[in-house]
Amino acid sequence: MAETDFERALEPVARRMERVKLTAGFLSELLREGADIHLGDAAMRWAGMPNKNERAALAEALDALAVAGFLERSGKETWRIVRSAE
């Protein structure tokens, strides 16, 4: 199966995501074009009561998606969704 742009974008943080059990599926669901992602809200949705390591891993994954053009940073802990994972 061919690798998608979304999967390639997450390659640099794949091991970290695996260690904290952060799935690409969860990140894909977050990407609704035109919306914003707030780190605290997304972390609570994903991990319930996230610890600092889980929160940092999620921030790294969101930054990786920003580098790949899926998101753009709009604040210290906020990203605007530019395009969906599909």
PDB file of N, CA and C in Angstrom:
ATOM      1  N   MET A   1       0.846  -1.180   0.000  1.00  0.00           N
ATOM      2  CA  MET A   1       0.000   0.000   0.000  1.00  0.00           C
ATOM      3  C   MET A   1       0.894   1.248   0.000  1.00  0.00           C
ATOM      4  N   ALA A   2       0.537   2.207  -0.790  1.00  0.00           N
ATOM      5  CA  ALA A   2       1.317   3.439  -0.891  1.00  0.00           C
ATOM      6  C   ALA A   2       1.150   4.268   0.375  1.00  0.00           C
ATOM      7  N   GLU A   3       2.235   4.858   0.791  1.00  0.00           N
ATOM      8  CA  GLU A   3       2.229   5.715   1.970  1.00  0.00           C
ATOM      9  C   GLU A   3       1.621   7.074   1.612  1.00  0.00           C
ATOM     10  N   THR A   4       0.784   7.588   2.487  1.00  0.00           N
ATOM     11  CA  THR A   4       0.141   8.879   2.232  1.00  0.00           C
ATOM     12  C   THR A   4       1.015  10.031   2.731  1.00  0.00           C
ATOM     13  N   ASP A   5       0.698  11.239   2.282  1.00  0.00           N
ATOM     14  CA  ASP A   5       1.393  12.433   2.777  1.00  0.00           C
ATOM     15  C   ASP A   5       1.247  12.542   4.294  1.00  0.00           C
ATOM     16  N   PHE A   6       0.080  12.200   4.795  1.00  0.00           N
ATOM     17  CA  PHE A   6      -0.194  12.257   6.233  1.00  0.00           C
ATOM     18  C   PHE A   6       0.740  11.311   6.989  1.00  0.00           C
ATOM     19  N   GLU A   7       0.872  10.078   6.521  1.00  0.00           N
ATOM     20  CA  GLU A   7       1.757   9.103   7.165  1.00  0.00           C
ATOM     21  C   GLU A   7       3.213   9.557   7.099  1.00  0.00           C
ATOM     22  N   ARG A   8       3.615  10.078   5.948  1.00  0.00           N
ATOM     23  CA  ARG A   8       4.991  10.591   5.808  1.00  0.00           C
ATOM     24  C   ARG A   8       5.249  11.753   6.767  1.00  0.00           C
ATOM     25  N   ALA A   9       4.251  12.603   6.963  1.00  0.00           N
ATOM     26  CA  ALA A   9       4.409  13.751   7.860  1.00  0.00           C
ATOM     27  C   ALA A   9       4.676  13.303   9.293  1.00  0.00           C
ATOM     28  N   LEU A  10       4.119  12.166   9.680  1.00  0.00           N
ATOM     29  CA  LEU A  10       4.258  11.685  11.056  1.00  0.00           C
ATOM     30  C   LEU A  10       5.483  10.799  11.272  1.00  0.00           C
ATOM     31  N   GLU A  11       6.191  10.438  10.202  1.00  0.00           N
ATOM     32  CA  GLU A  11       7.361   9.567  10.343  1.00  0.00           C
ATOM     33  C   GLU A  11       8.383  10.061  11.362  1.00  0.00           C
ATOM     34  N   PRO A  12       8.712  11.373  11.378  1.00  0.00           N
ATOM     35  CA  PRO A  12       9.728  11.825  12.342  1.00  0.00           C
ATOM     36  C   PRO A  12       9.338  11.627  13.812  1.00  0.00           C
ATOM     37  N   VAL A  13       8.064  11.515  14.092  1.00  0.00           N
ATOM     38  CA  VAL A  13       7.604  11.367  15.481  1.00  0.00           C
ATOM     39  C   VAL A  13       6.931  10.020  15.734  1.00  0.00           C
ATOM     40  N   ALA A  14       7.049   9.107  14.799  1.00  0.00           N
ATOM     41  CA  ALA A  14       6.347   7.815  14.892  1.00  0.00           C
ATOM     42  C   ALA A  14       6.740   7.016  16.132  1.00  0.00           C
ATOM     43  N   ARG A  15       8.019   6.960  16.450  1.00  0.00           N
ATOM     44  CA  ARG A  15       8.457   6.189  17.629  1.00  0.00           C
ATOM     45  C   ARG A  15       7.912   6.818  18.920  1.00  0.00           C
ATOM     46  N   ARG A  16       7.975   8.121  18.993  1.00  0.00           N
ATOM     47  CA  ARG A  16       7.460   8.801  20.190  1.00  0.00           C
ATOM     48  C   ARG A  16       5.961   8.555  20.323  1.00  0.00           C
ATOM     49  N   MET A  17       5.244   8.656  19.211  1.00  0.00           N
ATOM     50  CA  MET A  17       3.804   8.403  19.232  1.00  0.00           C
ATOM     51  C   MET A  17       3.520   6.974  19.692  1.00  0.00           C
ATOM     52  N   GLU A  18       4.303   6.034  19.198  1.00  0.00           N
ATOM     53  CA  GLU A  18       4.118   4.631  19.562  1.00  0.00           C
ATOM     54  C   GLU A  18       4.314   4.432  21.068  1.00  0.00           C
ATOM     55  N   ARG A  19       5.337   5.064  21.623  1.00  0.00           N
ATOM     56  CA  ARG A  19       5.629   4.906  23.059  1.00  0.00           C
ATOM     57  C   ARG A  19       4.495   5.421  23.946  1.00  0.00           C
ATOM     58  N   VAL A  20       3.807   6.480  23.513  1.00  0.00           N
ATOM     59  CA  VAL A  20       2.719   7.024  24.342  1.00  0.00           C
ATOM     60  C   VAL A  20       1.343   6.582  23.846  1.00  0.00           C
ATOM     61  N   LYS A  21       1.346   5.691  22.846  1.00  0.00           N
ATOM     62  CA  LYS A  21       0.096   5.148  22.287  1.00  0.00           C
ATOM     63  C   LYS A  21      -0.795   6.214  21.647  1.00  0.00           C
ATOM     64  N   LEU A  22      -0.160   7.187  20.992  1.00  0.00           N
ATOM     65  CA  LEU A  22      -0.878   8.207  20.225  1.00  0.00           C
ATOM     66  C   LEU A  22      -1.018   7.688  18.800  1.00  0.00           C
ATOM     67  N   THR A  23      -2.248   7.499  18.347  1.00  0.00           N
ATOM     68  CA  THR A  23      -2.451   6.897  17.034  1.00  0.00           C
ATOM     69  C   THR A  23      -2.631   7.939  15.934  1.00  0.00           C
ATOM     70  N   ALA A  24      -2.226   7.550  14.743  1.00  0.00           N
ATOM     71  CA  ALA A  24      -2.440   8.403  13.569  1.00  0.00           C
ATOM     72  C   ALA A  24      -3.940   8.591  13.341  1.00  0.00           C
ATOM     73  N   GLY A  25      -4.726   7.586  13.674  1.00  0.00           N
ATOM     74  CA  GLY A  25      -6.178   7.683  13.525  1.00  0.00           C
ATOM     75  C   GLY A  25      -6.764   8.804  14.360  1.00  0.00           C
ATOM     76  N   PHE A  26      -6.291   8.949  15.589  1.00  0.00           N
ATOM     77  CA  PHE A  26      -6.775  10.036  16.438  1.00  0.00           C
ATOM     78  C   PHE A  26      -6.413  11.386  15.825  1.00  0.00           C
ATOM     79  N   LEU A  27      -5.165  11.518  15.373  1.00  0.00           N
ATOM     80  CA  LEU A  27      -4.730  12.780  14.762  1.00  0.00           C
ATOM     81  C   LEU A  27      -5.523  13.078  13.499  1.00  0.00           C
ATOM     82  N   SER A  28      -5.792  12.053  12.718  1.00  0.00           N
ATOM     83  CA  SER A  28      -6.574  12.222  11.493  1.00  0.00           C
ATOM     84  C   SER A  28      -7.966  12.763  11.801  1.00  0.00           C
ATOM     85  N   GLU A  29      -8.573  12.267  12.871  1.00  0.00           N
ATOM     86  CA  GLU A  29      -9.906  12.734  13.271  1.00  0.00           C
ATOM     87  C   GLU A  29      -9.898  14.200  13.711  1.00  0.00           C
ATOM     88  N   LEU A  30      -8.757  14.664  14.228  1.00  0.00           N
ATOM     89  CA  LEU A  30      -8.657  16.066  14.651  1.00  0.00           C
ATOM     90  C   LEU A  30      -8.673  17.032  13.477  1.00  0.00           C
ATOM     91  N   LEU A  31      -8.262  16.551  12.304  1.00  0.00           N
ATOM     92  CA  LEU A  31      -8.071  17.444  11.162  1.00  0.00           C
ATOM     93  C   LEU A  31      -9.372  17.700  10.409  1.00  0.00           C
ATOM     94  N   ARG A  32     -10.090  18.690  10.850  1.00  0.00           N
ATOM     95  CA  ARG A  32     -11.314  19.158  10.185  1.00  0.00           C
ATOM     96  C   ARG A  32     -10.999  20.535   9.619  1.00  0.00           C
ATOM     97  N   GLU A  33     -10.939  20.650   8.303  1.00  0.00           N
ATOM     98  CA  GLU A  33     -10.512  21.890   7.653  1.00  0.00           C
ATOM     99  C   GLU A  33     -11.248  23.111   8.183  1.00  0.00           C
ATOM    100  N   GLY A  34     -10.484  24.180   8.399  1.00  0.00           N
ATOM    101  CA  GLY A  34     -11.043  25.441   8.839  1.00  0.00           C
ATOM    102  C   GLY A  34     -11.209  25.576  10.341  1.00  0.00           C
ATOM    103  N   ALA A  35     -10.969  24.500  11.073  1.00  0.00           N
ATOM    104  CA  ALA A  35     -11.109  24.542  12.529  1.00  0.00           C
ATOM    105  C   ALA A  35      -9.746  24.804  13.173  1.00  0.00           C
ATOM    106  N   ASP A  36      -9.743  24.924  14.484  1.00  0.00           N
ATOM    107  CA  ASP A  36      -8.517  25.080  15.246  1.00  0.00           C
ATOM    108  C   ASP A  36      -8.344  23.877  16.160  1.00  0.00           C
ATOM    109  N   ILE A  37      -7.097  23.562  16.464  1.00  0.00           N
ATOM    110  CA  ILE A  37      -6.779  22.531  17.447  1.00  0.00           C
ATOM    111  C   ILE A  37      -6.088  23.239  18.605  1.00  0.00           C
ATOM    112  N   HIS A  38      -6.617  23.062  19.797  1.00  0.00           N
ATOM    113  CA  HIS A  38      -6.012  23.603  21.015  1.00  0.00           C
ATOM    114  C   HIS A  38      -5.367  22.426  21.734  1.00  0.00           C
ATOM    115  N   LEU A  39      -4.089  22.537  22.037  1.00  0.00           N
ATOM    116  CA  LEU A  39      -3.336  21.434  22.619  1.00  0.00           C
ATOM    117  C   LEU A  39      -4.021  20.855  23.856  1.00  0.00           C
ATOM    118  N   GLY A  40      -4.421  21.691  24.773  1.00  0.00           N
ATOM    119  CA  GLY A  40      -5.047  21.201  26.002  1.00  0.00           C
ATOM    120  C   GLY A  40      -6.312  20.417  25.744  1.00  0.00           C
ATOM    121  N   ASP A  41      -7.172  20.932  24.878  1.00  0.00           N
ATOM    122  CA  ASP A  41      -8.430  20.245  24.551  1.00  0.00           C
ATOM    123  C   ASP A  41      -8.165  18.906  23.861  1.00  0.00           C
ATOM    124  N   ALA A  42      -7.240  18.917  22.892  1.00  0.00           N
ATOM    125  CA  ALA A  42      -6.929  17.687  22.151  1.00  0.00           C
ATOM    126  C   ALA A  42      -6.303  16.653  23.079  1.00  0.00           C
ATOM    127  N   ALA A  43      -5.428  17.087  23.976  1.00  0.00           N
ATOM    128  CA  ALA A  43      -4.781  16.160  24.906  1.00  0.00           C
ATOM    129  C   ALA A  43      -5.804  15.537  25.851  1.00  0.00           C
ATOM    130  N   MET A  44      -6.751  16.343  26.319  1.00  0.00           N
ATOM    131  CA  MET A  44      -7.804  15.805  27.196  1.00  0.00           C
ATOM    132  C   MET A  44      -8.668  14.794  26.450  1.00  0.00           C
ATOM    133  N   ARG A  45      -8.972  15.083  25.202  1.00  0.00           N
ATOM    134  CA  ARG A  45      -9.770  14.173  24.391  1.00  0.00           C
ATOM    135  C   ARG A  45      -9.049  12.849  24.173  1.00  0.00           C
ATOM    136  N   TRP A  46      -7.745  12.939  23.973  1.00  0.00           N
ATOM    137  CA  TRP A  46      -6.961  11.743  23.685  1.00  0.00           C
ATOM    138  C   TRP A  46      -6.642  10.947  24.945  1.00  0.00           C
ATOM    139  N   ALA A  47      -6.114  11.595  25.973  1.00  0.00           N
ATOM    140  CA  ALA A  47      -5.567  10.868  27.115  1.00  0.00           C
ATOM    141  C   ALA A  47      -6.352  11.048  28.410  1.00  0.00           C
ATOM    142  N   GLY A  48      -7.433  11.778  28.387  1.00  0.00           N
ATOM    143  CA  GLY A  48      -8.178  12.007  29.626  1.00  0.00           C
ATOM    144  C   GLY A  48      -7.466  13.038  30.481  1.00  0.00           C
ATOM    145  N   MET A  49      -6.585  12.593  31.336  1.00  0.00           N
ATOM    146  CA  MET A  49      -5.754  13.481  32.156  1.00  0.00           C
ATOM    147  C   MET A  49      -4.305  13.282  31.710  1.00  0.00           C
ATOM    148  N   PRO A  50      -3.904  13.973  30.651  1.00  0.00           N
ATOM    149  CA  PRO A  50      -2.570  13.732  30.093  1.00  0.00           C
ATOM    150  C   PRO A  50      -1.448  14.197  31.020  1.00  0.00           C
ATOM    151  N   ASN A  51      -0.366  13.390  31.036  1.00  0.00           N
ATOM    152  CA  ASN A  51       0.816  13.838  31.770  1.00  0.00           C
ATOM    153  C   ASN A  51       1.658  14.709  30.836  1.00  0.00           C
ATOM    154  N   LYS A  52       2.715  15.289  31.355  1.00  0.00           N
ATOM    155  CA  LYS A  52       3.499  16.222  30.531  1.00  0.00           C
ATOM    156  C   LYS A  52       4.154  15.527  29.346  1.00  0.00           C
ATOM    157  N   ASN A  53       4.508  14.254  29.467  1.00  0.00           N
ATOM    158  CA  ASN A  53       5.107  13.512  28.364  1.00  0.00           C
ATOM    159  C   ASN A  53       4.092  13.297  27.242  1.00  0.00           C
ATOM    160  N   GLU A  54       2.870  12.927  27.589  1.00  0.00           N
ATOM    161  CA  GLU A  54       1.821  12.740  26.586  1.00  0.00           C
ATOM    162  C   GLU A  54       1.495  14.056  25.894  1.00  0.00           C
ATOM    163  N   ARG A  55       1.406  15.094  26.666  1.00  0.00           N
ATOM    164  CA  ARG A  55       1.115  16.424  26.106  1.00  0.00           C
ATOM    165  C   ARG A  55       2.230  16.865  25.149  1.00  0.00           C
ATOM    166  N   ALA A  56       3.479  16.640  25.538  1.00  0.00           N
ATOM    167  CA  ALA A  56       4.624  17.004  24.698  1.00  0.00           C
ATOM    168  C   ALA A  56       4.645  16.179  23.408  1.00  0.00           C
ATOM    169  N   ALA A  57       4.312  14.895  23.502  1.00  0.00           N
ATOM    170  CA  ALA A  57       4.282  14.040  22.309  1.00  0.00           C
ATOM    171  C   ALA A  57       3.206  14.510  21.337  1.00  0.00           C
ATOM    172  N   LEU A  58       2.053  14.887  21.868  1.00  0.00           N
ATOM    173  CA  LEU A  58       0.983  15.397  21.014  1.00  0.00           C
ATOM    174  C   LEU A  58       1.413  16.702  20.349  1.00  0.00           C
ATOM    175  N   ALA A  59       2.056  17.584  21.091  1.00  0.00           N
ATOM    176  CA  ALA A  59       2.537  18.852  20.522  1.00  0.00           C
ATOM    177  C   ALA A  59       3.554  18.590  19.409  1.00  0.00           C
ATOM    178  N   GLU A  60       4.456  17.623  19.609  1.00  0.00           N
ATOM    179  CA  GLU A  60       5.443  17.276  18.579  1.00  0.00           C
ATOM    180  C   GLU A  60       4.760  16.755  17.319  1.00  0.00           C
ATOM    181  N   ALA A  61       3.738  15.921  17.495  1.00  0.00           N
ATOM    182  CA  ALA A  61       3.012  15.385  16.339  1.00  0.00           C
ATOM    183  C   ALA A  61       2.295  16.507  15.588  1.00  0.00           C
ATOM    184  N   LEU A  62       1.697  17.422  16.326  1.00  0.00           N
ATOM    185  CA  LEU A  62       1.007  18.548  15.683  1.00  0.00           C
ATOM    186  C   LEU A  62       2.009  19.453  14.962  1.00  0.00           C
ATOM    187  N   ASP A  63       3.178  19.654  15.551  1.00  0.00           N
ATOM    188  CA  ASP A  63       4.218  20.439  14.878  1.00  0.00           C
ATOM    189  C   ASP A  63       4.688  19.745  13.603  1.00  0.00           C
ATOM    190  N   ALA A  64       4.817  18.416  13.638  1.00  0.00           N
ATOM    191  CA  ALA A  64       5.216  17.666  12.442  1.00  0.00           C
ATOM    192  C   ALA A  64       4.172  17.840  11.334  1.00  0.00           C
ATOM    193  N   LEU A  65       2.902  17.850  11.709  1.00  0.00           N
ATOM    194  CA  LEU A  65       1.842  18.073  10.727  1.00  0.00           C
ATOM    195  C   LEU A  65       1.873  19.500  10.194  1.00  0.00           C
ATOM    196  N   ALA A  66       2.296  20.440  11.024  1.00  0.00           N
ATOM    197  CA  ALA A  66       2.433  21.831  10.569  1.00  0.00           C
ATOM    198  C   ALA A  66       3.560  21.940   9.540  1.00  0.00           C
ATOM    199  N   VAL A  67       4.678  21.291   9.801  1.00  0.00           N
ATOM    200  CA  VAL A  67       5.802  21.308   8.868  1.00  0.00           C
ATOM    201  C   VAL A  67       5.375  20.748   7.511  1.00  0.00           C
ATOM    202  N   ALA A  68       4.499  19.753   7.531  1.00  0.00           N
ATOM    203  CA  ALA A  68       4.043  19.102   6.299  1.00  0.00           C
ATOM    204  C   ALA A  68       2.884  19.838   5.626  1.00  0.00           C
ATOM    205  N   GLY A  69       2.412  20.934   6.216  1.00  0.00           N
ATOM    206  CA  GLY A  69       1.376  21.729   5.582  1.00  0.00           C
ATOM    207  C   GLY A  69      -0.059  21.341   5.911  1.00  0.00           C
ATOM    208  N   PHE A  70      -0.253  20.457   6.888  1.00  0.00           N
ATOM    209  CA  PHE A  70      -1.611  20.101   7.298  1.00  0.00           C
ATOM    210  C   PHE A  70      -2.171  21.132   8.275  1.00  0.00           C
ATOM    211  N   LEU A  71      -1.285  21.734   9.054  1.00  0.00           N
ATOM    212  CA  LEU A  71      -1.668  22.721  10.061  1.00  0.00           C
ATOM    213  C   LEU A  71      -0.786  23.945   9.911  1.00  0.00           C
ATOM    214  N   GLU A  72      -1.226  25.045  10.510  1.00  0.00           N
ATOM    215  CA  GLU A  72      -0.331  26.197  10.672  1.00  0.00           C
ATOM    216  C   GLU A  72      -0.518  26.688  12.094  1.00  0.00           C
ATOM    217  N   ARG A  73       0.589  27.001  12.724  1.00  0.00           N
ATOM    218  CA  ARG A  73       0.536  27.451  14.116  1.00  0.00           C
ATOM    219  C   ARG A  73      -0.159  28.801  14.165  1.00  0.00           C
ATOM    220  N   SER A  74      -1.136  28.922  15.076  1.00  0.00           N
ATOM    221  CA  SER A  74      -1.864  30.185  15.204  1.00  0.00           C
ATOM    222  C   SER A  74      -1.758  30.763  16.604  1.00  0.00           C
ATOM    223  N   GLY A  75      -0.993  30.104  17.454  1.00  0.00           N
ATOM    224  CA  GLY A  75      -0.778  30.560  18.824  1.00  0.00           C
ATOM    225  C   GLY A  75       0.219  29.648  19.490  1.00  0.00           C
ATOM    226  N   LYS A  76       0.525  29.911  20.754  1.00  0.00           N
ATOM    227  CA  LYS A  76       1.525  29.103  21.454  1.00  0.00           C
ATOM    228  C   LYS A  76       1.130  27.622  21.496  1.00  0.00           C
ATOM    229  N   GLU A  77      -0.130  27.331  21.763  1.00  0.00           N
ATOM    230  CA  GLU A  77      -0.603  25.948  21.835  1.00  0.00           C
ATOM    231  C   GLU A  77      -1.828  25.738  20.954  1.00  0.00           C
ATOM    232  N   THR A  78      -1.863  26.453  19.832  1.00  0.00           N
ATOM    233  CA  THR A  78      -3.016  26.391  18.930  1.00  0.00           C
ATOM    234  C   THR A  78      -2.542  26.282  17.487  1.00  0.00           C
ATOM    235  N   TRP A  79      -3.228  25.450  16.727  1.00  0.00           N
ATOM    236  CA  TRP A  79      -2.946  25.272  15.310  1.00  0.00           C
ATOM    237  C   TRP A  79      -4.243  25.402  14.520  1.00  0.00           C
ATOM    238  N   ARG A  80      -4.177  26.047  13.354  1.00  0.00           N
ATOM    239  CA  ARG A  80      -5.315  26.123  12.444  1.00  0.00           C
ATOM    240  C   ARG A  80      -5.151  24.989  11.440  1.00  0.00           C
ATOM    241  N   ILE A  81      -6.232  24.295  11.182  1.00  0.00           N
ATOM    242  CA  ILE A  81      -6.203  23.172  10.234  1.00  0.00           C
ATOM    243  C   ILE A  81      -6.294  23.733   8.818  1.00  0.00           C
ATOM    244  N   VAL A  82      -5.336  23.345   8.001  1.00  0.00           N
ATOM    245  CA  VAL A  82      -5.239  23.814   6.617  1.00  0.00           C
ATOM    246  C   VAL A  82      -5.824  22.781   5.660  1.00  0.00           C
ATOM    247  N   ARG A  83      -5.550  21.507   5.938  1.00  0.00           N
ATOM    248  CA  ARG A  83      -6.083  20.431   5.100  1.00  0.00           C
ATOM    249  C   ARG A  83      -6.280  19.169   5.902  1.00  0.00           C
ATOM    250  N   SER A  84      -7.205  18.335   5.455  1.00  0.00           N
ATOM    251  CA  SER A  84      -7.515  17.108   6.182  1.00  0.00           C
ATOM    252  C   SER A  84      -6.489  16.024   5.856  1.00  0.00           C
ATOM    253  N   ALA A  85      -6.558  14.929   6.593  1.00  0.00           N
ATOM    254  CA  ALA A  85      -5.617  13.824   6.413  1.00  0.00           C
ATOM    255  C   ALA A  85      -5.884  13.036   5.143  1.00  0.00           C
ATOM    256  N   GLU A  86      -7.103  13.099   4.614  1.00  0.00           N
ATOM    257  CA  GLU A  86      -7.437  12.322   3.414  1.00  0.00           C
ATOM    258  C   GLU A  86      -6.878  12.958   2.186  1.00  0.00           C
TER     259      GLU A  86
END
